[in-house]
Amino acid sequence: MRTNVTVTVAPHGEGATRLLAPVGLPTPHQIPVGFEVSGGGVALTGESTTGQMAALISAEAGAPVEVRYSYLDGGPGYPEAVFTQHCNRFTRAARDLVYDAINIADATADGHAAIAALVNAAAEKFRYAHPEVRFNDGCEEVPYLACGQTEGSCVDINTYLIASLRAAGLEAGYVTGYFFPQEKNGCCDDMHCWVVTRHKGVVLEWDIAHHLKMGTREICCGLNPKPGDRVAVAHSMGLTFPELGVTCEKLIGEPVWVCGGKLEKAEVTITREIVERAEAAA
């Protein structure tokens, strides 16, 4: 089966002409096999921290840009770079968070149980929302959330989870992409993210935010507790693009405008089409 995703970017109101877009990421479930752009020229630019490549798109003035991805079912797994730890303000745990993560992990029977315990501990810290001010804004490390529940999106929740897992010495990676809810018939509003862990060669995937949206705090491994499907486009936090003068950017998911060394959110429309293998080959 082939999954085609189209991201349409509206023109920038103030005349920015360059877009930065991820080019797709293989997972155990899919492999990217196509990347095309209309409405602008394309060159590749490198991310120096993780070694990822991204597309730098020179948009035609006043015209929308279409970024099109194609994926086939059955992938080789997540790249090794997903699990590589890079210490920056989005991944570095504050001292109290380190202590808490280690204590939680040490109270479990083994690494697999420690991962599950830290996932569920992170879920207890958050109430799903999209706050204007994020819990780690202005911080040089990921702060410990001591009591109560903090409003947070998938980005916020997974920032806390990644910092917790790595503080306990466990392998974990942060993945960005698009999730298409079943009820929206092939449309979504923006990017989504999830966490992958690896212990003794076993890779598991976790989506706390979707469990919370479904009204449960009993978090199980596996994707799509909320019915739908997804594609991955990039990974990791704290990204640097030397050619663009962009340093320690939180993440890349949707295409973003490049404005003087900063990345600015674009107005996008995201759609998905699923094509059966026989039809795709015709």
C-alpha atoms as a PDB file:
ATOM      1  CA  MET A   1       0.000   0.000   0.000  1.00  0.00           C
ATOM      2  CA  ARG A   2       1.207   3.495  -0.814  1.00  0.00           C
ATOM      3  CA  THR A   3       0.477   6.498   1.385  1.00  0.00           C
ATOM      4  CA  ASN A   4       0.684   9.904  -0.286  1.00  0.00           C
ATOM      5  CA  VAL A   5       0.790  13.037   1.874  1.00  0.00           C
ATOM      6  CA  THR A   6       0.450  16.554   0.479  1.00  0.00           C
ATOM      7  CA  VAL A   7       1.339  19.618   2.527  1.00  0.00           C
ATOM      8  CA  THR A   8       0.179  22.848   0.902  1.00  0.00           C
ATOM      9  CA  VAL A   9       1.871  25.988   2.223  1.00  0.00           C
ATOM     10  CA  ALA A  10       0.161  29.360   1.797  1.00  0.00           C
ATOM     11  CA  PRO A  11       2.348  32.295   0.654  1.00  0.00           C
ATOM     12  CA  HIS A  12       4.110  34.242   3.390  1.00  0.00           C
ATOM     13  CA  GLY A  13       2.302  37.485   4.108  1.00  0.00           C
ATOM     14  CA  GLU A  14       5.506  39.481   4.606  1.00  0.00           C
ATOM     15  CA  GLY A  15       7.392  38.134   1.626  1.00  0.00           C
ATOM     16  CA  ALA A  16       9.640  35.374   3.037  1.00  0.00           C
ATOM     17  CA  THR A  17      10.664  33.150   0.134  1.00  0.00           C
ATOM     18  CA  ARG A  18      12.525  30.182   1.669  1.00  0.00           C
ATOM     19  CA  LEU A  19      10.945  27.156   3.318  1.00  0.00           C
ATOM     20  CA  LEU A  20      12.628  24.392   5.281  1.00  0.00           C
ATOM     21  CA  ALA A  21      10.920  20.997   5.060  1.00  0.00           C
ATOM     22  CA  PRO A  22      11.863  17.501   6.300  1.00  0.00           C
ATOM     23  CA  VAL A  23      12.129  14.864   3.586  1.00  0.00           C
ATOM     24  CA  GLY A  24      10.674  11.809   5.366  1.00  0.00           C
ATOM     25  CA  LEU A  25      11.872   9.190   7.835  1.00  0.00           C
ATOM     26  CA  PRO A  26      11.830   5.377   7.656  1.00  0.00           C
ATOM     27  CA  THR A  27      10.190   3.458  10.493  1.00  0.00           C
ATOM     28  CA  PRO A  28       9.383  -0.219  11.104  1.00  0.00           C
ATOM     29  CA  HIS A  29       6.048   0.431   9.385  1.00  0.00           C
ATOM     30  CA  GLN A  30       6.852   2.545   6.320  1.00  0.00           C
ATOM     31  CA  ILE A  31       9.643   3.697   4.064  1.00  0.00           C
ATOM     32  CA  PRO A  32       9.647   7.034   2.224  1.00  0.00           C
ATOM     33  CA  VAL A  33       9.928   6.485  -1.530  1.00  0.00           C
ATOM     34  CA  GLY A  34       9.025   9.876  -2.967  1.00  0.00           C
ATOM     35  CA  PHE A  35       9.506  13.580  -2.218  1.00  0.00           C
ATOM     36  CA  GLU A  36       8.400  16.265  -4.654  1.00  0.00           C
ATOM     37  CA  VAL A  37       7.833  20.009  -4.529  1.00  0.00           C
ATOM     38  CA  SER A  38       5.842  22.285  -6.805  1.00  0.00           C
ATOM     39  CA  GLY A  39       5.775  26.064  -6.575  1.00  0.00           C
ATOM     40  CA  GLY A  40       9.496  26.439  -5.874  1.00  0.00           C
ATOM     41  CA  GLY A  41      13.023  25.210  -6.456  1.00  0.00           C
ATOM     42  CA  VAL A  42      14.604  22.645  -4.115  1.00  0.00           C
ATOM     43  CA  ALA A  43      18.082  22.132  -2.690  1.00  0.00           C
ATOM     44  CA  LEU A  44      19.188  19.934   0.206  1.00  0.00           C
ATOM     45  CA  THR A  45      20.653  21.353   3.397  1.00  0.00           C
ATOM     46  CA  GLY A  46      22.253  19.462   6.262  1.00  0.00           C
ATOM     47  CA  GLU A  47      21.452  19.389   9.975  1.00  0.00           C
ATOM     48  CA  SER A  48      24.765  19.229  11.806  1.00  0.00           C
ATOM     49  CA  THR A  49      23.685  17.631  15.101  1.00  0.00           C
ATOM     50  CA  THR A  50      21.929  14.502  13.815  1.00  0.00           C
ATOM     51  CA  GLY A  51      23.116  14.285  10.212  1.00  0.00           C
ATOM     52  CA  GLN A  52      19.609  14.604   8.819  1.00  0.00           C
ATOM     53  CA  MET A  53      19.007  16.260   5.462  1.00  0.00           C
ATOM     54  CA  ALA A  54      16.149  18.662   4.842  1.00  0.00           C
ATOM     55  CA  ALA A  55      14.787  20.423   1.777  1.00  0.00           C
ATOM     56  CA  LEU A  56      15.400  24.142   1.356  1.00  0.00           C
ATOM     57  CA  ILE A  57      12.658  25.400  -0.928  1.00  0.00           C
ATOM     58  CA  SER A  58      12.864  28.704  -2.799  1.00  0.00           C
ATOM     59  CA  ALA A  59       9.199  29.610  -3.099  1.00  0.00           C
ATOM     60  CA  GLU A  60       7.731  31.478  -6.025  1.00  0.00           C
ATOM     61  CA  ALA A  61       6.517  34.874  -4.840  1.00  0.00           C
ATOM     62  CA  GLY A  62       2.807  35.048  -4.037  1.00  0.00           C
ATOM     63  CA  ALA A  63       2.137  31.392  -4.931  1.00  0.00           C
ATOM     64  CA  PRO A  64       1.432  28.395  -2.684  1.00  0.00           C
ATOM     65  CA  VAL A  65       3.992  25.594  -2.360  1.00  0.00           C
ATOM     66  CA  GLU A  66       3.058  21.916  -2.425  1.00  0.00           C
ATOM     67  CA  VAL A  67       5.275  19.394  -0.667  1.00  0.00           C
ATOM     68  CA  ARG A  68       4.380  15.800  -1.532  1.00  0.00           C
ATOM     69  CA  TYR A  69       5.572  12.681   0.293  1.00  0.00           C
ATOM     70  CA  SER A  70       5.074   9.035  -0.724  1.00  0.00           C
ATOM     71  CA  TYR A  71       5.525   6.054   1.598  1.00  0.00           C
ATOM     72  CA  LEU A  72       5.286   2.305   1.063  1.00  0.00           C
ATOM     73  CA  ASP A  73       4.235  -0.103   3.798  1.00  0.00           C
ATOM     74  CA  GLY A  74       6.974  -2.113   5.473  1.00  0.00           C
ATOM     75  CA  GLY A  75      10.048  -0.240   6.639  1.00  0.00           C
ATOM     76  CA  PRO A  76      13.575  -1.076   7.803  1.00  0.00           C
ATOM     77  CA  GLY A  77      13.143   0.386  11.292  1.00  0.00           C
ATOM     78  CA  TYR A  78      14.090   3.689  12.869  1.00  0.00           C
ATOM     79  CA  PRO A  79      17.551   5.050  11.950  1.00  0.00           C
ATOM     80  CA  GLU A  80      20.241   4.541  14.572  1.00  0.00           C
ATOM     81  CA  ALA A  81      20.581   8.327  14.858  1.00  0.00           C
ATOM     82  CA  VAL A  82      17.112   8.502  16.420  1.00  0.00           C
ATOM     83  CA  PHE A  83      18.516   6.924  19.600  1.00  0.00           C
ATOM     84  CA  THR A  84      21.695   9.019  19.772  1.00  0.00           C
ATOM     85  CA  GLN A  85      21.645  11.407  22.706  1.00  0.00           C
ATOM     86  CA  HIS A  86      22.476  15.056  22.027  1.00  0.00           C
ATOM     87  CA  CYS A  87      22.566  17.237  25.114  1.00  0.00           C
ATOM     88  CA  ASN A  88      20.793  20.573  24.730  1.00  0.00           C
ATOM     89  CA  ARG A  89      18.136  22.594  26.508  1.00  0.00           C
ATOM     90  CA  PHE A  90      15.344  20.463  25.052  1.00  0.00           C
ATOM     91  CA  THR A  91      16.817  17.151  26.221  1.00  0.00           C
ATOM     92  CA  ARG A  92      18.915  17.959  29.311  1.00  0.00           C
ATOM     93  CA  ALA A  93      17.101  17.006  32.532  1.00  0.00           C
ATOM     94  CA  ALA A  94      17.254  19.263  35.581  1.00  0.00           C
ATOM     95  CA  ARG A  95      18.860  17.730  38.677  1.00  0.00           C
ATOM     96  CA  ASP A  96      15.550  16.988  40.416  1.00  0.00           C
ATOM     97  CA  LEU A  97      14.188  15.329  37.292  1.00  0.00           C
ATOM     98  CA  VAL A  98      17.308  13.162  37.083  1.00  0.00           C
ATOM     99  CA  TYR A  99      16.842  12.049  40.697  1.00  0.00           C
ATOM    100  CA  ASP A 100      13.161  11.304  40.149  1.00  0.00           C
ATOM    101  CA  ALA A 101      13.771   9.325  36.940  1.00  0.00           C
ATOM    102  CA  ILE A 102      16.532   7.230  38.519  1.00  0.00           C
ATOM    103  CA  ASN A 103      14.406   6.481  41.593  1.00  0.00           C
ATOM    104  CA  ILE A 104      11.461   5.375  39.434  1.00  0.00           C
ATOM    105  CA  ALA A 105      13.684   3.167  37.271  1.00  0.00           C
ATOM    106  CA  ASP A 106      15.513   1.639  40.247  1.00  0.00           C
ATOM    107  CA  ALA A 107      12.210   0.575  41.808  1.00  0.00           C
ATOM    108  CA  THR A 108      11.360  -1.679  38.839  1.00  0.00           C
ATOM    109  CA  ALA A 109      12.359  -5.219  37.972  1.00  0.00           C
ATOM    110  CA  ASP A 110      14.225  -4.513  34.724  1.00  0.00           C
ATOM    111  CA  GLY A 111      14.752  -2.030  31.899  1.00  0.00           C
ATOM    112  CA  HIS A 112      11.489  -2.845  30.135  1.00  0.00           C
ATOM    113  CA  ALA A 113       9.531  -2.243  33.322  1.00  0.00           C
ATOM    114  CA  ALA A 114      11.510   0.944  33.981  1.00  0.00           C
ATOM    115  CA  ILE A 115      10.533   2.340  30.573  1.00  0.00           C
ATOM    116  CA  ALA A 116       6.853   1.607  31.176  1.00  0.00           C
ATOM    117  CA  ALA A 117       7.029   3.137  34.659  1.00  0.00           C
ATOM    118  CA  LEU A 118       8.646   6.352  33.380  1.00  0.00           C
ATOM    119  CA  VAL A 119       6.115   6.621  30.558  1.00  0.00           C
ATOM    120  CA  ASN A 120       3.227   6.354  32.989  1.00  0.00           C
ATOM    121  CA  ALA A 121       4.893   8.727  35.453  1.00  0.00           C
ATOM    122  CA  ALA A 122       5.214  11.344  32.692  1.00  0.00           C
ATOM    123  CA  ALA A 123       1.551  10.866  31.763  1.00  0.00           C
ATOM    124  CA  GLU A 124       0.531  11.666  35.343  1.00  0.00           C
ATOM    125  CA  LYS A 125       2.273  15.033  35.114  1.00  0.00           C
ATOM    126  CA  PHE A 126       0.211  16.429  32.230  1.00  0.00           C
ATOM    127  CA  ARG A 127      -3.249  17.473  31.169  1.00  0.00           C
ATOM    128  CA  TYR A 128      -3.479  17.522  27.372  1.00  0.00           C
ATOM    129  CA  ALA A 129      -3.756  21.070  25.993  1.00  0.00           C
ATOM    130  CA  HIS A 130      -1.927  23.587  23.829  1.00  0.00           C
ATOM    131  CA  PRO A 131      -0.780  26.252  26.298  1.00  0.00           C
ATOM    132  CA  GLU A 132       0.552  29.589  25.071  1.00  0.00           C
ATOM    133  CA  VAL A 133       3.438  29.275  27.537  1.00  0.00           C
ATOM    134  CA  ARG A 134       5.111  25.861  27.653  1.00  0.00           C
ATOM    135  CA  PHE A 135       6.410  24.371  30.897  1.00  0.00           C
ATOM    136  CA  ASN A 136      10.053  24.626  29.732  1.00  0.00           C
ATOM    137  CA  ASP A 137       9.952  28.011  27.981  1.00  0.00           C
ATOM    138  CA  GLY A 138      12.996  30.057  28.925  1.00  0.00           C
ATOM    139  CA  CYS A 139      14.704  27.105  30.625  1.00  0.00           C
ATOM    140  CA  GLU A 140      18.165  25.800  29.822  1.00  0.00           C
ATOM    141  CA  GLU A 141      17.144  22.308  30.947  1.00  0.00           C
ATOM    142  CA  VAL A 142      13.927  20.313  31.226  1.00  0.00           C
ATOM    143  CA  PRO A 143      12.470  21.160  34.657  1.00  0.00           C
ATOM    144  CA  TYR A 144      11.084  18.655  37.146  1.00  0.00           C
ATOM    145  CA  LEU A 145       7.311  18.832  37.570  1.00  0.00           C
ATOM    146  CA  ALA A 146       6.828  18.112  41.255  1.00  0.00           C
ATOM    147  CA  CYS A 147       3.082  17.967  41.818  1.00  0.00           C
ATOM    148  CA  GLY A 148      -0.272  18.551  40.178  1.00  0.00           C
ATOM    149  CA  GLN A 149      -0.846  18.450  36.433  1.00  0.00           C
ATOM    150  CA  THR A 150       0.647  20.801  33.857  1.00  0.00           C
ATOM    151  CA  GLU A 151      -1.006  21.676  30.561  1.00  0.00           C
ATOM    152  CA  GLY A 152       0.985  20.280  27.666  1.00  0.00           C
ATOM    153  CA  SER A 153       0.803  19.236  24.026  1.00  0.00           C
ATOM    154  CA  CYS A 154       2.405  16.144  22.494  1.00  0.00           C
ATOM    155  CA  VAL A 155       5.604  18.192  22.098  1.00  0.00           C
ATOM    156  CA  ASP A 156       5.654  19.161  25.789  1.00  0.00           C
ATOM    157  CA  ILE A 157       4.801  15.699  27.096  1.00  0.00           C
ATOM    158  CA  ASN A 158       7.399  13.982  24.953  1.00  0.00           C
ATOM    159  CA  THR A 159      10.059  16.540  25.839  1.00  0.00           C
ATOM    160  CA  TYR A 160       9.559  15.597  29.484  1.00  0.00           C
ATOM    161  CA  LEU A 161       9.462  11.880  28.702  1.00  0.00           C
ATOM    162  CA  ILE A 162      12.650  11.880  26.617  1.00  0.00           C
ATOM    163  CA  ALA A 163      14.529  13.778  29.332  1.00  0.00           C
ATOM    164  CA  SER A 164      13.264  11.306  31.968  1.00  0.00           C
ATOM    165  CA  LEU A 165      14.168   8.191  29.999  1.00  0.00           C
ATOM    166  CA  ARG A 166      17.634   9.401  29.112  1.00  0.00           C
ATOM    167  CA  ALA A 167      18.265  10.599  32.675  1.00  0.00           C
ATOM    168  CA  ALA A 168      17.661   7.000  33.771  1.00  0.00           C
ATOM    169  CA  GLY A 169      20.171   5.732  31.203  1.00  0.00           C
ATOM    170  CA  LEU A 170      17.576   4.311  28.793  1.00  0.00           C
ATOM    171  CA  GLU A 171      17.652   4.598  25.010  1.00  0.00           C
ATOM    172  CA  ALA A 172      14.893   6.806  23.620  1.00  0.00           C
ATOM    173  CA  GLY A 173      14.194   8.877  20.524  1.00  0.00           C
ATOM    174  CA  TYR A 174      11.797  11.658  19.555  1.00  0.00           C
ATOM    175  CA  VAL A 175       9.970  11.346  16.211  1.00  0.00           C
ATOM    176  CA  THR A 176       7.921  13.950  14.349  1.00  0.00           C
ATOM    177  CA  GLY A 177       5.383  13.408  11.591  1.00  0.00           C
ATOM    178  CA  TYR A 178       1.696  13.647  10.760  1.00  0.00           C
ATOM    179  CA  PHE A 179      -1.226  11.792  12.305  1.00  0.00           C
ATOM    180  CA  PHE A 180      -4.498  11.516  10.356  1.00  0.00           C
ATOM    181  CA  PRO A 181      -7.435  10.810  12.694  1.00  0.00           C
ATOM    182  CA  GLN A 182      -9.925   8.308  11.349  1.00  0.00           C
ATOM    183  CA  GLU A 183     -12.805  10.759  11.712  1.00  0.00           C
ATOM    184  CA  LYS A 184     -11.120  13.436   9.565  1.00  0.00           C
ATOM    185  CA  ASN A 185     -11.048  11.335   6.390  1.00  0.00           C
ATOM    186  CA  GLY A 186      -7.463  11.961   5.360  1.00  0.00           C
ATOM    187  CA  CYS A 187      -6.884  15.442   6.783  1.00  0.00           C
ATOM    188  CA  CYS A 188      -4.989  16.801   9.765  1.00  0.00           C
ATOM    189  CA  ASP A 189      -4.231  20.230  11.163  1.00  0.00           C
ATOM    190  CA  ASP A 190      -0.548  20.107  12.089  1.00  0.00           C
ATOM    191  CA  MET A 191       2.392  17.895  13.005  1.00  0.00           C
ATOM    192  CA  HIS A 192       2.406  15.231  15.690  1.00  0.00           C
ATOM    193  CA  CYS A 193       5.217  13.538  17.637  1.00  0.00           C
ATOM    194  CA  TRP A 194       5.815  10.319  19.523  1.00  0.00           C
ATOM    195  CA  VAL A 195       8.596   8.536  21.417  1.00  0.00           C
ATOM    196  CA  VAL A 196      10.434   5.319  20.600  1.00  0.00           C
ATOM    197  CA  THR A 197      12.460   3.349  23.134  1.00  0.00           C
ATOM    198  CA  ARG A 198      14.989   0.561  22.726  1.00  0.00           C
ATOM    199  CA  HIS A 199      16.120  -1.874  25.383  1.00  0.00           C
ATOM    200  CA  LYS A 200      18.089  -5.037  24.694  1.00  0.00           C
ATOM    201  CA  GLY A 201      17.250  -4.670  21.017  1.00  0.00           C
ATOM    202  CA  VAL A 202      13.485  -4.363  21.549  1.00  0.00           C
ATOM    203  CA  VAL A 203      12.029  -1.187  20.029  1.00  0.00           C
ATOM    204  CA  LEU A 204       8.719   0.081  21.415  1.00  0.00           C
ATOM    205  CA  GLU A 205       6.637   3.126  20.481  1.00  0.00           C
ATOM    206  CA  TRP A 206       4.703   5.377  22.859  1.00  0.00           C
ATOM    207  CA  ASP A 207       2.033   8.033  22.325  1.00  0.00           C
ATOM    208  CA  ILE A 208       1.012   9.463  25.701  1.00  0.00           C
ATOM    209  CA  ALA A 209      -0.857  12.417  24.195  1.00  0.00           C
ATOM    210  CA  HIS A 210      -3.272  10.212  22.280  1.00  0.00           C
ATOM    211  CA  HIS A 211      -3.991   8.093  25.339  1.00  0.00           C
ATOM    212  CA  LEU A 212      -4.816  11.277  27.265  1.00  0.00           C
ATOM    213  CA  LYS A 213      -7.048  12.489  24.440  1.00  0.00           C
ATOM    214  CA  MET A 214      -8.858   9.155  24.618  1.00  0.00           C
ATOM    215  CA  GLY A 215      -9.472   9.687  28.340  1.00  0.00           C
ATOM    216  CA  THR A 216      -7.056   7.147  29.816  1.00  0.00           C
ATOM    217  CA  ARG A 217      -3.854   7.472  31.844  1.00  0.00           C
ATOM    218  CA  GLU A 218      -3.023   3.787  31.581  1.00  0.00           C
ATOM    219  CA  ILE A 219      -0.400   4.093  28.862  1.00  0.00           C
ATOM    220  CA  CYS A 220       0.474   1.058  26.752  1.00  0.00           C
ATOM    221  CA  CYS A 221       3.160   0.746  24.099  1.00  0.00           C
ATOM    222  CA  GLY A 222       2.094   0.887  20.457  1.00  0.00           C
ATOM    223  CA  LEU A 223       0.854   3.560  18.113  1.00  0.00           C
ATOM    224  CA  ASN A 224      -2.629   4.764  17.315  1.00  0.00           C
ATOM    225  CA  PRO A 225      -4.595   4.190  20.513  1.00  0.00           C
ATOM    226  CA  LYS A 226      -6.677   6.888  18.859  1.00  0.00           C
ATOM    227  CA  PRO A 227      -7.845   5.378  15.520  1.00  0.00           C
ATOM    228  CA  GLY A 228      -6.029   6.741  12.489  1.00  0.00           C
ATOM    229  CA  ASP A 229      -2.684   6.446  10.749  1.00  0.00           C
ATOM    230  CA  ARG A 230       0.573   8.345  10.618  1.00  0.00           C
ATOM    231  CA  VAL A 231       3.779   8.997   8.718  1.00  0.00           C
ATOM    232  CA  ALA A 232       7.164  10.048  10.116  1.00  0.00           C
ATOM    233  CA  VAL A 233       9.157  12.934   8.649  1.00  0.00           C
ATOM    234  CA  ALA A 234      12.067  13.732  11.023  1.00  0.00           C
ATOM    235  CA  HIS A 235      13.548  13.120  14.476  1.00  0.00           C
ATOM    236  CA  SER A 236      15.260  14.628  17.526  1.00  0.00           C
ATOM    237  CA  MET A 237      15.263  18.029  19.230  1.00  0.00           C
ATOM    238  CA  GLY A 238      17.753  20.858  19.301  1.00  0.00           C
ATOM    239  CA  LEU A 239      18.505  20.996  15.568  1.00  0.00           C
ATOM    240  CA  THR A 240      21.132  23.199  13.901  1.00  0.00           C
ATOM    241  CA  PHE A 241      21.234  24.149  10.210  1.00  0.00           C
ATOM    242  CA  PRO A 242      24.541  25.992   9.677  1.00  0.00           C
ATOM    243  CA  GLU A 243      23.754  27.075   6.112  1.00  0.00           C
ATOM    244  CA  LEU A 244      20.673  28.912   7.408  1.00  0.00           C
ATOM    245  CA  GLY A 245      22.157  30.334  10.596  1.00  0.00           C
ATOM    246  CA  VAL A 246      19.614  28.322  12.608  1.00  0.00           C
ATOM    247  CA  THR A 247      20.960  27.060  15.944  1.00  0.00           C
ATOM    248  CA  CYS A 248      19.355  24.624  18.435  1.00  0.00           C
ATOM    249  CA  GLU A 249      15.856  24.752  16.945  1.00  0.00           C
ATOM    250  CA  LYS A 250      13.423  22.632  18.971  1.00  0.00           C
ATOM    251  CA  LEU A 251      12.247  20.422  16.105  1.00  0.00           C
ATOM    252  CA  ILE A 252      11.223  20.226  12.474  1.00  0.00           C
ATOM    253  CA  GLY A 253       7.898  18.768  11.382  1.00  0.00           C
ATOM    254  CA  GLU A 254       5.755  20.881   9.078  1.00  0.00           C
ATOM    255  CA  PRO A 255       7.494  23.109   6.504  1.00  0.00           C
ATOM    256  CA  VAL A 256       8.575  26.374   8.149  1.00  0.00           C
ATOM    257  CA  TRP A 257       9.642  29.738   6.771  1.00  0.00           C
ATOM    258  CA  VAL A 258      13.290  30.729   7.124  1.00  0.00           C
ATOM    259  CA  CYS A 259      13.424  34.323   8.327  1.00  0.00           C
ATOM    260  CA  GLY A 260      16.836  35.741   9.182  1.00  0.00           C
ATOM    261  CA  GLY A 261      18.233  32.778  11.088  1.00  0.00           C
ATOM    262  CA  LYS A 262      14.894  31.905  12.675  1.00  0.00           C
ATOM    263  CA  LEU A 263      12.172  29.472  11.685  1.00  0.00           C
ATOM    264  CA  GLU A 264       8.617  30.767  11.511  1.00  0.00           C
ATOM    265  CA  LYS A 265       5.416  28.726  11.448  1.00  0.00           C
ATOM    266  CA  ALA A 266       3.752  28.446   8.044  1.00  0.00           C
ATOM    267  CA  GLU A 267       0.046  28.251   7.247  1.00  0.00           C
ATOM    268  CA  VAL A 268      -0.438  24.705   5.950  1.00  0.00           C
ATOM    269  CA  THR A 269      -3.136  22.339   4.726  1.00  0.00           C
ATOM    270  CA  ILE A 270      -2.300  18.643   5.135  1.00  0.00           C
ATOM    271  CA  THR A 271      -4.024  15.799   3.301  1.00  0.00           C
ATOM    272  CA  ARG A 272      -3.413  12.082   2.869  1.00  0.00           C
ATOM    273  CA  GLU A 273      -4.353   9.582   0.162  1.00  0.00           C
ATOM    274  CA  ILE A 274      -3.998   5.808   0.503  1.00  0.00           C
ATOM    275  CA  VAL A 275      -3.471   3.881  -2.732  1.00  0.00           C
ATOM    276  CA  GLU A 276      -3.667   0.118  -2.893  1.00  0.00           C
ATOM    277  CA  ARG A 277      -0.459  -1.500  -4.219  1.00  0.00           C
ATOM    278  CA  ALA A 278      -2.058  -2.780  -7.459  1.00  0.00           C
ATOM    279  CA  GLU A 279      -3.570   0.626  -8.216  1.00  0.00           C
ATOM    280  CA  ALA A 280      -0.271   2.396  -7.421  1.00  0.00           C
ATOM    281  CA  ALA A 281       1.602   0.130  -9.864  1.00  0.00           C
ATOM    282  CA  ALA A 282      -0.899   0.658 -12.691  1.00  0.00           C
END
